[in-house]
PDB file of N, CA and C in Angstrom:
ATOM      1  N   MET A   1     -15.329  51.314   6.771  1.00  0.00           N
ATOM      2  CA  MET A   1     -14.815  49.934   6.688  1.00  0.00           C
ATOM      3  C   MET A   1     -14.886  49.113   5.194  1.00  0.00           C
ATOM      4  N   ASN A   2     -13.544  48.130   5.278  1.00  0.00           N
ATOM      5  CA  ASN A   2     -13.287  47.953   4.255  1.00  0.00           C
ATOM      6  C   ASN A   2     -14.341  46.457   3.894  1.00  0.00           C
ATOM      7  N   SER A   3     -14.846  46.001   2.778  1.00  0.00           N
ATOM      8  CA  SER A   3     -15.963  45.035   2.673  1.00  0.00           C
ATOM      9  C   SER A   3     -14.597  43.831   2.668  1.00  0.00           C
ATOM     10  N   ASN A   4     -15.334  42.944   3.010  1.00  0.00           N
ATOM     11  CA  ASN A   4     -14.748  41.667   2.533  1.00  0.00           C
ATOM     12  C   ASN A   4     -14.394  41.073   0.968  1.00  0.00           C
ATOM     13  N   GLU A   5     -14.719  41.972   0.358  1.00  0.00           N
ATOM     14  CA  GLU A   5     -14.901  41.670  -1.166  1.00  0.00           C
ATOM     15  C   GLU A   5     -13.374  42.633  -1.492  1.00  0.00           C
ATOM     16  N   SER A   6     -13.021  43.667  -0.639  1.00  0.00           N
ATOM     17  CA  SER A   6     -11.905  44.300  -1.381  1.00  0.00           C
ATOM     18  C   SER A   6     -10.647  43.917  -0.704  1.00  0.00           C
ATOM     19  N   TRP A   7     -10.292  42.628  -0.283  1.00  0.00           N
ATOM     20  CA  TRP A   7      -9.103  42.080   0.853  1.00  0.00           C
ATOM     21  C   TRP A   7      -8.725  41.035   0.105  1.00  0.00           C
ATOM     22  N   ALA A   8      -9.736  39.721  -0.166  1.00  0.00           N
ATOM     23  CA  ALA A   8      -9.338  38.890  -0.756  1.00  0.00           C
ATOM     24  C   ALA A   8     -10.281  37.984  -1.427  1.00  0.00           C
ATOM     25  N   THR A   9      -9.955  36.820  -2.521  1.00  0.00           N
ATOM     26  CA  THR A   9     -11.091  36.526  -3.088  1.00  0.00           C
ATOM     27  C   THR A   9     -11.117  34.879  -2.250  1.00  0.00           C
ATOM     28  N   ASP A  10     -12.237  34.175  -2.636  1.00  0.00           N
ATOM     29  CA  ASP A  10     -12.432  32.809  -2.189  1.00  0.00           C
ATOM     30  C   ASP A  10     -11.637  32.022  -2.965  1.00  0.00           C
ATOM     31  N   ASN A  11     -10.830  30.754  -1.962  1.00  0.00           N
ATOM     32  CA  ASN A  11     -10.079  30.134  -2.531  1.00  0.00           C
ATOM     33  C   ASN A  11     -10.276  29.294  -3.363  1.00  0.00           C
ATOM     34  N   ASP A  12     -11.738  28.798  -3.472  1.00  0.00           N
ATOM     35  CA  ASP A  12     -12.169  27.735  -4.503  1.00  0.00           C
ATOM     36  C   ASP A  12     -12.294  28.863  -5.900  1.00  0.00           C
ATOM     37  N   VAL A  13     -11.798  30.196  -6.227  1.00  0.00           N
ATOM     38  CA  VAL A  13     -11.586  30.776  -7.308  1.00  0.00           C
ATOM     39  C   VAL A  13     -10.530  30.473  -7.966  1.00  0.00           C
ATOM     40  N   PRO A  14     -10.204  29.826  -8.999  1.00  0.00           N
ATOM     41  CA  PRO A  14      -8.799  29.834  -9.550  1.00  0.00           C
ATOM     42  C   PRO A  14      -8.343  30.779  -9.826  1.00  0.00           C
ATOM     43  N   THR A  15      -6.586  30.660  -9.856  1.00  0.00           N
ATOM     44  CA  THR A  15      -6.157  31.885 -10.210  1.00  0.00           C
ATOM     45  C   THR A  15      -6.081  32.037 -11.758  1.00  0.00           C
ATOM     46  N   PRO A  16      -6.510  33.277 -12.366  1.00  0.00           N
ATOM     47  CA  PRO A  16      -6.034  33.304 -13.551  1.00  0.00           C
ATOM     48  C   PRO A  16      -4.913  33.225 -14.383  1.00  0.00           C
ATOM     49  N   LYS A  17      -4.733  32.864 -15.304  1.00  0.00           N
ATOM     50  CA  LYS A  17      -4.088  32.203 -15.968  1.00  0.00           C
ATOM     51  C   LYS A  17      -3.055  33.429 -16.759  1.00  0.00           C
ATOM     52  N   LYS A  18      -3.962  34.351 -17.405  1.00  0.00           N
ATOM     53  CA  LYS A  18      -2.888  35.857 -17.452  1.00  0.00           C
ATOM     54  C   LYS A  18      -3.109  36.602 -16.278  1.00  0.00           C
ATOM     55  N   ILE A  19      -1.822  36.866 -16.316  1.00  0.00           N
ATOM     56  CA  ILE A  19      -1.699  37.848 -14.617  1.00  0.00           C
ATOM     57  C   ILE A  19      -1.165  39.141 -15.066  1.00  0.00           C
ATOM     58  N   PRO A  20      -0.869  39.735 -14.981  1.00  0.00           N
ATOM     59  CA  PRO A  20       0.138  41.023 -14.585  1.00  0.00           C
ATOM     60  C   PRO A  20       1.472  40.186 -14.163  1.00  0.00           C
ATOM     61  N   GLN A  21       2.698  41.037 -15.317  1.00  0.00           N
ATOM     62  CA  GLN A  21       3.955  40.518 -14.650  1.00  0.00           C
ATOM     63  C   GLN A  21       4.695  41.585 -13.918  1.00  0.00           C
ATOM     64  N   PRO A  22       4.892  41.331 -12.432  1.00  0.00           N
ATOM     65  CA  PRO A  22       5.516  42.355 -11.872  1.00  0.00           C
ATOM     66  C   PRO A  22       6.805  42.802 -12.646  1.00  0.00           C
ATOM     67  N   VAL A  23       7.076  44.170 -12.095  1.00  0.00           N
ATOM     68  CA  VAL A  23       8.730  44.386 -12.883  1.00  0.00           C
ATOM     69  C   VAL A  23       9.176  45.207 -11.906  1.00  0.00           C
ATOM     70  N   GLY A  24      10.602  45.435 -11.512  1.00  0.00           N
ATOM     71  CA  GLY A  24      12.094  45.559 -10.970  1.00  0.00           C
ATOM     72  C   GLY A  24      11.785  44.558  -9.458  1.00  0.00           C
ATOM     73  N   TYR A  25      11.406  45.321  -8.551  1.00  0.00           N
ATOM     74  CA  TYR A  25      11.439  44.391  -7.460  1.00  0.00           C
ATOM     75  C   TYR A  25      10.300  43.873  -7.114  1.00  0.00           C
ATOM     76  N   ARG A  26       9.310  44.395  -7.796  1.00  0.00           N
ATOM     77  CA  ARG A  26       7.906  43.974  -7.167  1.00  0.00           C
ATOM     78  C   ARG A  26       7.539  42.408  -7.124  1.00  0.00           C
ATOM     79  N   ILE A  27       6.524  42.081  -6.177  1.00  0.00           N
ATOM     80  CA  ILE A  27       6.069  40.389  -6.028  1.00  0.00           C
ATOM     81  C   ILE A  27       4.114  40.791  -6.226  1.00  0.00           C
ATOM     82  N   LEU A  28       3.915  39.741  -7.100  1.00  0.00           N
ATOM     83  CA  LEU A  28       2.345  39.812  -7.222  1.00  0.00           C
ATOM     84  C   LEU A  28       2.015  38.449  -6.576  1.00  0.00           C
ATOM     85  N   ILE A  29       1.629  39.115  -4.849  1.00  0.00           N
ATOM     86  CA  ILE A  29       0.843  38.304  -4.127  1.00  0.00           C
ATOM     87  C   ILE A  29      -1.009  37.616  -4.448  1.00  0.00           C
ATOM     88  N   ARG A  30      -1.090  36.563  -4.255  1.00  0.00           N
ATOM     89  CA  ARG A  30      -2.828  36.106  -4.216  1.00  0.00           C
ATOM     90  C   ARG A  30      -3.169  36.190  -2.537  1.00  0.00           C
ATOM     91  N   PRO A  31      -4.099  36.781  -1.608  1.00  0.00           N
ATOM     92  CA  PRO A  31      -3.913  36.840  -0.367  1.00  0.00           C
ATOM     93  C   PRO A  31      -4.909  35.388  -0.063  1.00  0.00           C
ATOM     94  N   ARG A  32      -4.563  34.987   0.585  1.00  0.00           N
ATOM     95  CA  ARG A  32      -5.672  33.312   1.055  1.00  0.00           C
ATOM     96  C   ARG A  32      -7.069  33.763   1.742  1.00  0.00           C
ATOM     97  N   GLY A  33      -8.234  33.330   0.759  1.00  0.00           N
ATOM     98  CA  GLY A  33      -9.247  33.924   1.290  1.00  0.00           C
ATOM     99  C   GLY A  33     -10.074  33.700   2.681  1.00  0.00           C
ATOM    100  N   VAL A  34     -10.999  34.511   2.871  1.00  0.00           N
ATOM    101  CA  VAL A  34     -11.354  34.301   4.492  1.00  0.00           C
ATOM    102  C   VAL A  34     -12.236  32.879   3.865  1.00  0.00           C
ATOM    103  N   ILE A  35     -12.676  32.202   5.666  1.00  0.00           N
ATOM    104  CA  ILE A  35     -13.180  31.394   5.754  1.00  0.00           C
ATOM    105  C   ILE A  35     -14.676  31.922   6.056  1.00  0.00           C
ATOM    106  N   GLU A  36     -15.283  30.796   5.152  1.00  0.00           N
ATOM    107  CA  GLU A  36     -16.596  30.919   5.445  1.00  0.00           C
ATOM    108  C   GLU A  36     -17.852  30.540   6.798  1.00  0.00           C
ATOM    109  N   LYS A  37     -17.169  29.426   7.017  1.00  0.00           N
ATOM    110  CA  LYS A  37     -17.686  28.707   8.293  1.00  0.00           C
ATOM    111  C   LYS A  37     -17.019  28.042   9.198  1.00  0.00           C
ATOM    112  N   THR A  38     -17.133  27.781  10.449  1.00  0.00           N
ATOM    113  CA  THR A  38     -16.105  27.314  11.110  1.00  0.00           C
ATOM    114  C   THR A  38     -15.765  25.877  11.012  1.00  0.00           C
ATOM    115  N   LYS A  39     -14.550  25.168  11.576  1.00  0.00           N
ATOM    116  CA  LYS A  39     -14.830  23.626  11.262  1.00  0.00           C
ATOM    117  C   LYS A  39     -16.055  23.114  11.912  1.00  0.00           C
ATOM    118  N   GLY A  40     -16.482  23.095  13.182  1.00  0.00           N
ATOM    119  CA  GLY A  40     -18.138  23.212  13.697  1.00  0.00           C
ATOM    120  C   GLY A  40     -19.343  23.404  12.490  1.00  0.00           C
ATOM    121  N   GLY A  41     -19.329  23.998  11.828  1.00  0.00           N
ATOM    122  CA  GLY A  41     -20.666  24.439  10.938  1.00  0.00           C
ATOM    123  C   GLY A  41     -21.045  25.480  10.894  1.00  0.00           C
ATOM    124  N   ILE A  42     -20.451  26.257  11.711  1.00  0.00           N
ATOM    125  CA  ILE A  42     -20.977  27.827  12.387  1.00  0.00           C
ATOM    126  C   ILE A  42     -20.912  28.681  11.279  1.00  0.00           C
ATOM    127  N   ILE A  43     -21.922  29.146  10.424  1.00  0.00           N
ATOM    128  CA  ILE A  43     -21.843  30.061   9.253  1.00  0.00           C
ATOM    129  C   ILE A  43     -21.341  31.544   9.956  1.00  0.00           C
ATOM    130  N   LEU A  44     -20.701  31.902   9.218  1.00  0.00           N
ATOM    131  CA  LEU A  44     -19.734  33.674   9.753  1.00  0.00           C
ATOM    132  C   LEU A  44     -21.047  34.469   9.141  1.00  0.00           C
ATOM    133  N   THR A  45     -21.098  35.503  10.027  1.00  0.00           N
ATOM    134  CA  THR A  45     -21.795  36.410   9.390  1.00  0.00           C
ATOM    135  C   THR A  45     -20.941  37.434   8.569  1.00  0.00           C
ATOM    136  N   ASP A  46     -21.562  38.611   7.811  1.00  0.00           N
ATOM    137  CA  ASP A  46     -20.625  39.374   7.142  1.00  0.00           C
ATOM    138  C   ASP A  46     -19.663  40.405   7.899  1.00  0.00           C
ATOM    139  N   SER A  47     -19.901  40.572   9.276  1.00  0.00           N
ATOM    140  CA  SER A  47     -19.387  41.076   9.670  1.00  0.00           C
ATOM    141  C   SER A  47     -17.751  40.606  10.750  1.00  0.00           C
ATOM    142  N   SER A  48     -18.089  39.238  11.118  1.00  0.00           N
ATOM    143  CA  SER A  48     -17.200  38.183  11.143  1.00  0.00           C
ATOM    144  C   SER A  48     -16.340  38.493   9.992  1.00  0.00           C
ATOM    145  N   LYS A  49     -16.758  38.026   9.227  1.00  0.00           N
ATOM    146  CA  LYS A  49     -15.789  38.153   7.793  1.00  0.00           C
ATOM    147  C   LYS A  49     -14.893  39.082   7.295  1.00  0.00           C
ATOM    148  N   ASP A  50     -15.397  40.215   7.398  1.00  0.00           N
ATOM    149  CA  ASP A  50     -14.730  41.464   7.439  1.00  0.00           C
ATOM    150  C   ASP A  50     -14.080  41.555   8.522  1.00  0.00           C
ATOM    151  N   ASP A  51     -13.778  41.203   9.833  1.00  0.00           N
ATOM    152  CA  ASP A  51     -12.852  41.485  10.805  1.00  0.00           C
ATOM    153  C   ASP A  51     -11.958  40.433  10.243  1.00  0.00           C
ATOM    154  N   GLN A  52     -12.157  39.468  10.074  1.00  0.00           N
ATOM    155  CA  GLN A  52     -11.270  38.571   9.181  1.00  0.00           C
ATOM    156  C   GLN A  52     -10.397  38.748   8.498  1.00  0.00           C
ATOM    157  N   SER A  53     -11.120  39.417   7.391  1.00  0.00           N
ATOM    158  CA  SER A  53     -10.088  40.074   6.129  1.00  0.00           C
ATOM    159  C   SER A  53      -9.510  41.001   7.134  1.00  0.00           C
ATOM    160  N   TYR A  54      -8.972  41.713   7.750  1.00  0.00           N
ATOM    161  CA  TYR A  54      -8.091  42.805   8.155  1.00  0.00           C
ATOM    162  C   TYR A  54      -7.315  42.019   8.466  1.00  0.00           C
ATOM    163  N   LEU A  55      -7.289  41.076   9.144  1.00  0.00           N
ATOM    164  CA  LEU A  55      -6.432  40.210   9.746  1.00  0.00           C
ATOM    165  C   LEU A  55      -5.735  39.175   8.643  1.00  0.00           C
ATOM    166  N   ASN A  56      -6.193  39.117   7.445  1.00  0.00           N
ATOM    167  CA  ASN A  56      -5.459  38.218   6.732  1.00  0.00           C
ATOM    168  C   ASN A  56      -4.627  39.109   5.772  1.00  0.00           C
ATOM    169  N   SER A  57      -3.305  38.838   5.867  1.00  0.00           N
ATOM    170  CA  SER A  57      -1.862  39.293   5.611  1.00  0.00           C
ATOM    171  C   SER A  57      -0.993  37.896   5.209  1.00  0.00           C
ATOM    172  N   VAL A  58      -2.040  36.505   4.593  1.00  0.00           N
ATOM    173  CA  VAL A  58      -0.986  35.505   4.334  1.00  0.00           C
ATOM    174  C   VAL A  58      -1.448  35.167   2.770  1.00  0.00           C
ATOM    175  N   GLY A  59      -0.386  34.927   1.521  1.00  0.00           N
ATOM    176  CA  GLY A  59      -0.453  34.966   0.564  1.00  0.00           C
ATOM    177  C   GLY A  59       0.170  34.558  -0.448  1.00  0.00           C
ATOM    178  N   GLN A  60      -0.428  33.620  -1.188  1.00  0.00           N
ATOM    179  CA  GLN A  60       0.927  32.967  -1.874  1.00  0.00           C
ATOM    180  C   GLN A  60       1.687  33.824  -3.231  1.00  0.00           C
ATOM    181  N   VAL A  61       2.999  33.566  -2.847  1.00  0.00           N
ATOM    182  CA  VAL A  61       3.531  34.296  -4.278  1.00  0.00           C
ATOM    183  C   VAL A  61       3.445  33.636  -5.890  1.00  0.00           C
ATOM    184  N   ILE A  62       2.652  34.673  -6.689  1.00  0.00           N
ATOM    185  CA  ILE A  62       1.991  34.256  -8.165  1.00  0.00           C
ATOM    186  C   ILE A  62       3.352  34.830  -9.100  1.00  0.00           C
ATOM    187  N   ALA A  63       3.755  35.925  -8.834  1.00  0.00           N
ATOM    188  CA  ALA A  63       4.829  36.355 -10.100  1.00  0.00           C
ATOM    189  C   ALA A  63       5.674  37.224  -9.040  1.00  0.00           C
ATOM    190  N   MET A  64       7.099  37.395  -9.835  1.00  0.00           N
ATOM    191  CA  MET A  64       8.313  38.336  -8.882  1.00  0.00           C
ATOM    192  C   MET A  64       8.442  38.796 -10.020  1.00  0.00           C
ATOM    193  N   GLY A  65       8.914  40.074 -10.559  1.00  0.00           N
ATOM    194  CA  GLY A  65       9.827  41.058 -11.201  1.00  0.00           C
ATOM    195  C   GLY A  65      11.138  40.274 -11.127  1.00  0.00           C
ATOM    196  N   ASP A  66      11.980  40.804 -12.485  1.00  0.00           N
ATOM    197  CA  ASP A  66      13.337  40.362 -12.658  1.00  0.00           C
ATOM    198  C   ASP A  66      14.459  40.813 -11.532  1.00  0.00           C
ATOM    199  N   GLU A  67      14.158  41.714 -11.113  1.00  0.00           N
ATOM    200  CA  GLU A  67      15.263  42.345  -9.725  1.00  0.00           C
ATOM    201  C   GLU A  67      14.909  42.206  -8.254  1.00  0.00           C
ATOM    202  N   CYS A  68      13.811  41.216  -8.168  1.00  0.00           N
ATOM    203  CA  CYS A  68      13.241  40.593  -6.989  1.00  0.00           C
ATOM    204  C   CYS A  68      14.680  39.923  -5.989  1.00  0.00           C
ATOM    205  N   TYR A  69      15.211  40.901  -5.126  1.00  0.00           N
ATOM    206  CA  TYR A  69      16.054  40.104  -4.616  1.00  0.00           C
ATOM    207  C   TYR A  69      17.410  40.256  -4.916  1.00  0.00           C
ATOM    208  N   SER A  70      17.583  41.121  -5.586  1.00  0.00           N
ATOM    209  CA  SER A  70      18.871  41.242  -6.732  1.00  0.00           C
ATOM    210  C   SER A  70      19.947  41.704  -5.470  1.00  0.00           C
ATOM    211  N   ASP A  71      19.586  42.504  -4.634  1.00  0.00           N
ATOM    212  CA  ASP A  71      20.405  43.349  -3.820  1.00  0.00           C
ATOM    213  C   ASP A  71      20.882  42.331  -2.553  1.00  0.00           C
ATOM    214  N   ARG A  72      20.340  41.127  -2.545  1.00  0.00           N
ATOM    215  CA  ARG A  72      20.380  39.942  -1.428  1.00  0.00           C
ATOM    216  C   ARG A  72      21.589  38.645  -1.738  1.00  0.00           C
ATOM    217  N   LYS A  73      22.155  38.226  -0.764  1.00  0.00           N
ATOM    218  CA  LYS A  73      22.432  36.833  -1.770  1.00  0.00           C
ATOM    219  C   LYS A  73      22.069  35.842  -1.407  1.00  0.00           C
ATOM    220  N   LYS A  74      20.692  35.379  -0.663  1.00  0.00           N
ATOM    221  CA  LYS A  74      19.588  34.787  -0.869  1.00  0.00           C
ATOM    222  C   LYS A  74      18.268  35.313  -1.085  1.00  0.00           C
ATOM    223  N   PRO A  75      17.311  35.125  -2.108  1.00  0.00           N
ATOM    224  CA  PRO A  75      16.118  35.287  -2.013  1.00  0.00           C
ATOM    225  C   PRO A  75      15.131  34.900  -0.705  1.00  0.00           C
ATOM    226  N   TRP A  76      14.212  36.044  -0.352  1.00  0.00           N
ATOM    227  CA  TRP A  76      13.563  35.329   0.850  1.00  0.00           C
ATOM    228  C   TRP A  76      12.126  34.389   0.414  1.00  0.00           C
ATOM    229  N   CYS A  77      11.961  34.745  -0.999  1.00  0.00           N
ATOM    230  CA  CYS A  77      11.035  33.523  -1.257  1.00  0.00           C
ATOM    231  C   CYS A  77      10.895  33.463  -2.697  1.00  0.00           C
ATOM    232  N   LYS A  78      10.398  32.717  -3.193  1.00  0.00           N
ATOM    233  CA  LYS A  78       9.924  32.432  -4.800  1.00  0.00           C
ATOM    234  C   LYS A  78       8.267  32.106  -5.037  1.00  0.00           C
ATOM    235  N   VAL A  79       8.457  32.134  -6.272  1.00  0.00           N
ATOM    236  CA  VAL A  79       6.940  31.745  -6.885  1.00  0.00           C
ATOM    237  C   VAL A  79       6.555  30.230  -6.121  1.00  0.00           C
ATOM    238  N   GLY A  80       5.306  30.325  -5.625  1.00  0.00           N
ATOM    239  CA  GLY A  80       4.707  29.012  -5.492  1.00  0.00           C
ATOM    240  C   GLY A  80       4.829  29.514  -3.924  1.00  0.00           C
ATOM    241  N   ASP A  81       5.785  29.786  -3.168  1.00  0.00           N
ATOM    242  CA  ASP A  81       5.885  30.203  -1.590  1.00  0.00           C
ATOM    243  C   ASP A  81       4.585  30.855  -1.229  1.00  0.00           C
ATOM    244  N   TRP A  82       4.239  30.479   0.366  1.00  0.00           N
ATOM    245  CA  TRP A  82       3.223  31.096   1.200  1.00  0.00           C
ATOM    246  C   TRP A  82       4.100  31.928   1.882  1.00  0.00           C
ATOM    247  N   VAL A  83       3.999  33.331   1.750  1.00  0.00           N
ATOM    248  CA  VAL A  83       4.168  34.361   2.719  1.00  0.00           C
ATOM    249  C   VAL A  83       3.263  34.894   3.762  1.00  0.00           C
ATOM    250  N   ILE A  84       3.753  35.712   4.776  1.00  0.00           N
ATOM    251  CA  ILE A  84       3.055  36.564   5.218  1.00  0.00           C
ATOM    252  C   ILE A  84       3.813  38.297   5.105  1.00  0.00           C
ATOM    253  N   PHE A  85       2.804  38.930   4.883  1.00  0.00           N
ATOM    254  CA  PHE A  85       3.042  40.660   4.854  1.00  0.00           C
ATOM    255  C   PHE A  85       2.277  41.264   5.525  1.00  0.00           C
ATOM    256  N   GLY A  86       2.797  42.538   5.129  1.00  0.00           N
ATOM    257  CA  GLY A  86       2.165  43.752   5.831  1.00  0.00           C
ATOM    258  C   GLY A  86       0.867  44.149   5.981  1.00  0.00           C
ATOM    259  N   ARG A  87       0.024  44.275   6.851  1.00  0.00           N
ATOM    260  CA  ARG A  87      -1.479  44.643   6.624  1.00  0.00           C
ATOM    261  C   ARG A  87      -1.727  45.078   5.806  1.00  0.00           C
ATOM    262  N   TYR A  88      -1.199  46.168   5.691  1.00  0.00           N
ATOM    263  CA  TYR A  88      -1.654  47.588   5.019  1.00  0.00           C
ATOM    264  C   TYR A  88      -0.361  47.894   4.039  1.00  0.00           C
ATOM    265  N   ALA A  89       0.524  46.582   3.731  1.00  0.00           N
ATOM    266  CA  ALA A  89       1.364  46.605   2.521  1.00  0.00           C
ATOM    267  C   ALA A  89       1.007  46.911   0.922  1.00  0.00           C
ATOM    268  N   GLY A  90       1.482  47.305   0.443  1.00  0.00           N
ATOM    269  CA  GLY A  90       1.310  46.809  -1.303  1.00  0.00           C
ATOM    270  C   GLY A  90       0.468  47.765  -1.741  1.00  0.00           C
ATOM    271  N   ALA A  91      -0.103  47.478  -2.924  1.00  0.00           N
ATOM    272  CA  ALA A  91      -1.330  47.941  -3.651  1.00  0.00           C
ATOM    273  C   ALA A  91      -2.387  46.843  -4.201  1.00  0.00           C
ATOM    274  N   ARG A  92      -3.716  47.156  -3.801  1.00  0.00           N
ATOM    275  CA  ARG A  92      -4.197  46.086  -4.144  1.00  0.00           C
ATOM    276  C   ARG A  92      -4.857  46.138  -5.315  1.00  0.00           C
ATOM    277  N   ILE A  93      -4.837  44.851  -6.490  1.00  0.00           N
ATOM    278  CA  ILE A  93      -5.475  45.172  -7.472  1.00  0.00           C
ATOM    279  C   ILE A  93      -6.624  44.109  -7.947  1.00  0.00           C
ATOM    280  N   SER A  94      -7.464  43.814  -8.963  1.00  0.00           N
ATOM    281  CA  SER A  94      -7.975  42.889  -9.020  1.00  0.00           C
ATOM    282  C   SER A  94      -7.555  42.434 -10.732  1.00  0.00           C
ATOM    283  N   VAL A  95      -7.378  41.248 -10.678  1.00  0.00           N
ATOM    284  CA  VAL A  95      -6.909  40.169 -11.714  1.00  0.00           C
ATOM    285  C   VAL A  95      -7.916  39.315 -12.510  1.00  0.00           C
ATOM    286  N   GLN A  96      -9.101  39.898 -13.305  1.00  0.00           N
ATOM    287  CA  GLN A  96     -10.259  39.195 -13.535  1.00  0.00           C
ATOM    288  C   GLN A  96     -10.850  38.913 -12.791  1.00  0.00           C
ATOM    289  N   LYS A  97     -11.110  39.578 -11.821  1.00  0.00           N
ATOM    290  CA  LYS A  97     -11.982  39.849 -10.565  1.00  0.00           C
ATOM    291  C   LYS A  97     -11.459  38.962  -9.400  1.00  0.00           C
ATOM    292  N   VAL A  98     -10.118  38.571  -9.191  1.00  0.00           N
ATOM    293  CA  VAL A  98      -9.426  37.671  -8.720  1.00  0.00           C
ATOM    294  C   VAL A  98      -8.576  38.800  -7.641  1.00  0.00           C
ATOM    295  N   LYS A  99      -9.034  39.104  -6.438  1.00  0.00           N
ATOM    296  CA  LYS A  99      -8.074  39.912  -5.709  1.00  0.00           C
ATOM    297  C   LYS A  99      -6.821  39.815  -5.686  1.00  0.00           C
ATOM    298  N   MET A 100      -5.325  40.919  -5.324  1.00  0.00           N
ATOM    299  CA  MET A 100      -4.619  39.948  -5.464  1.00  0.00           C
ATOM    300  C   MET A 100      -3.589  41.518  -4.838  1.00  0.00           C
ATOM    301  N   VAL A 101      -2.611  41.519  -4.602  1.00  0.00           N
ATOM    302  CA  VAL A 101      -1.527  42.304  -3.715  1.00  0.00           C
ATOM    303  C   VAL A 101      -0.174  42.501  -4.751  1.00  0.00           C
ATOM    304  N   LEU A 102       0.107  43.936  -4.935  1.00  0.00           N
ATOM    305  CA  LEU A 102       1.467  43.546  -5.618  1.00  0.00           C
ATOM    306  C   LEU A 102       2.244  44.794  -4.760  1.00  0.00           C
ATOM    307  N   LEU A 103       3.225  43.974  -4.252  1.00  0.00           N
ATOM    308  CA  LEU A 103       4.109  44.773  -3.141  1.00  0.00           C
ATOM    309  C   LEU A 103       5.552  44.432  -3.509  1.00  0.00           C
ATOM    310  N   ASN A 104       6.582  45.484  -2.858  1.00  0.00           N
ATOM    311  CA  ASN A 104       7.887  45.284  -2.847  1.00  0.00           C
ATOM    312  C   ASN A 104       8.336  44.159  -2.221  1.00  0.00           C
ATOM    313  N   ASP A 105       9.524  43.894  -2.691  1.00  0.00           N
ATOM    314  CA  ASP A 105      10.255  42.426  -1.830  1.00  0.00           C
ATOM    315  C   ASP A 105      10.241  42.766  -0.742  1.00  0.00           C
ATOM    316  N   ASP A 106      10.883  43.986  -0.026  1.00  0.00           N
ATOM    317  CA  ASP A 106      11.495  43.652   1.009  1.00  0.00           C
ATOM    318  C   ASP A 106       9.902  44.196   1.923  1.00  0.00           C
ATOM    319  N   GLU A 107       8.893  43.563   1.845  1.00  0.00           N
ATOM    320  CA  GLU A 107       7.923  43.744   2.180  1.00  0.00           C
ATOM    321  C   GLU A 107       6.855  42.955   2.781  1.00  0.00           C
ATOM    322  N   ILE A 108       7.799  41.586   2.424  1.00  0.00           N
ATOM    323  CA  ILE A 108       7.803  40.139   2.678  1.00  0.00           C
ATOM    324  C   ILE A 108       8.230  40.046   4.425  1.00  0.00           C
ATOM    325  N   ILE A 109       7.146  39.664   5.098  1.00  0.00           N
ATOM    326  CA  ILE A 109       7.974  39.663   6.382  1.00  0.00           C
ATOM    327  C   ILE A 109       8.563  37.773   6.962  1.00  0.00           C
ATOM    328  N   ALA A 110       7.507  37.237   6.407  1.00  0.00           N
ATOM    329  CA  ALA A 110       8.256  35.469   6.706  1.00  0.00           C
ATOM    330  C   ALA A 110       7.554  34.557   5.603  1.00  0.00           C
ATOM    331  N   THR A 111       8.031  33.516   5.116  1.00  0.00           N
ATOM    332  CA  THR A 111       7.765  32.315   4.821  1.00  0.00           C
ATOM    333  C   THR A 111       6.697  31.512   5.752  1.00  0.00           C
ATOM    334  N   LEU A 112       6.220  30.484   4.893  1.00  0.00           N
ATOM    335  CA  LEU A 112       5.783  29.412   5.513  1.00  0.00           C
ATOM    336  C   LEU A 112       5.253  28.409   4.317  1.00  0.00           C
ATOM    337  N   GLU A 113       5.629  26.849   5.192  1.00  0.00           N
ATOM    338  CA  GLU A 113       5.708  26.047   4.633  1.00  0.00           C
ATOM    339  C   GLU A 113       4.021  25.512   4.075  1.00  0.00           C
ATOM    340  N   ASN A 114       3.387  25.794   5.308  1.00  0.00           N
ATOM    341  CA  ASN A 114       1.498  25.561   5.142  1.00  0.00           C
ATOM    342  C   ASN A 114       0.902  26.655   5.661  1.00  0.00           C
ATOM    343  N   PRO A 115       0.082  27.583   4.873  1.00  0.00           N
ATOM    344  CA  PRO A 115      -0.744  28.703   5.215  1.00  0.00           C
ATOM    345  C   PRO A 115      -1.218  28.684   6.746  1.00  0.00           C
ATOM    346  N   GLU A 116      -2.090  27.298   6.942  1.00  0.00           N
ATOM    347  CA  GLU A 116      -2.486  26.936   8.051  1.00  0.00           C
ATOM    348  C   GLU A 116      -2.164  26.968   9.631  1.00  0.00           C
ATOM    349  N   VAL A 117      -0.896  27.064   9.372  1.00  0.00           N
ATOM    350  CA  VAL A 117      -0.164  27.193  10.787  1.00  0.00           C
ATOM    351  C   VAL A 117      -0.595  29.087  11.151  1.00  0.00           C
ATOM    352  N   VAL A 118      -0.774  29.673  10.097  1.00  0.00           N
ATOM    353  CA  VAL A 118      -1.447  31.180  11.399  1.00  0.00           C
ATOM    354  C   VAL A 118      -3.013  31.009  11.060  1.00  0.00           C
ATOM    355  N   THR A 119      -3.428  31.212  12.463  1.00  0.00           N
ATOM    356  CA  THR A 119      -4.895  31.369  12.479  1.00  0.00           C
ATOM    357  C   THR A 119      -5.521  32.107  11.938  1.00  0.00           C
ATOM    358  N   GLN A 120      -6.685  32.108  11.407  1.00  0.00           N
ATOM    359  CA  GLN A 120      -7.328  33.276  10.844  1.00  0.00           C
ATOM    360  C   GLN A 120      -8.418  33.540  12.286  1.00  0.00           C
ATOM    361  N   GLN A 121      -8.063  34.591  12.874  1.00  0.00           N
ATOM    362  CA  GLN A 121      -8.545  34.561  14.278  1.00  0.00           C
ATOM    363  C   GLN A 121      -9.623  35.590  14.014  1.00  0.00           C
ATOM    364  N   LEU A 122     -10.910  35.697  14.571  1.00  0.00           N
ATOM    365  CA  LEU A 122     -12.502  36.017  14.084  1.00  0.00           C
ATOM    366  C   LEU A 122     -12.632  37.144  14.999  1.00  0.00           C
TER     367      LEU A 122
END
């Protein structure tokens, strides 16, 4: 089983200023971190956080390659957008200890105005 550390970085860790620039039709995504405790104040176990990390397929677009959506009339997303992507899509990388996902432009499933609309299930 993957540990929580291999899927996403806590939300309070800032995105690095120097990031790799995706090439071609690739997009760099920073997955949303897992929640540490419930709204009621219950601290989640490591097992619950690991389960949650498997379901986390929401992230923010950090950078895009210069050929993203060049074969489309209108791009599906832009830098700064929150998106949903496939759970096993892309390559996971670490940029200055911040976990990110590098995926193809056609692996974006949906865009979100607010990432909170997607429930993080436990």
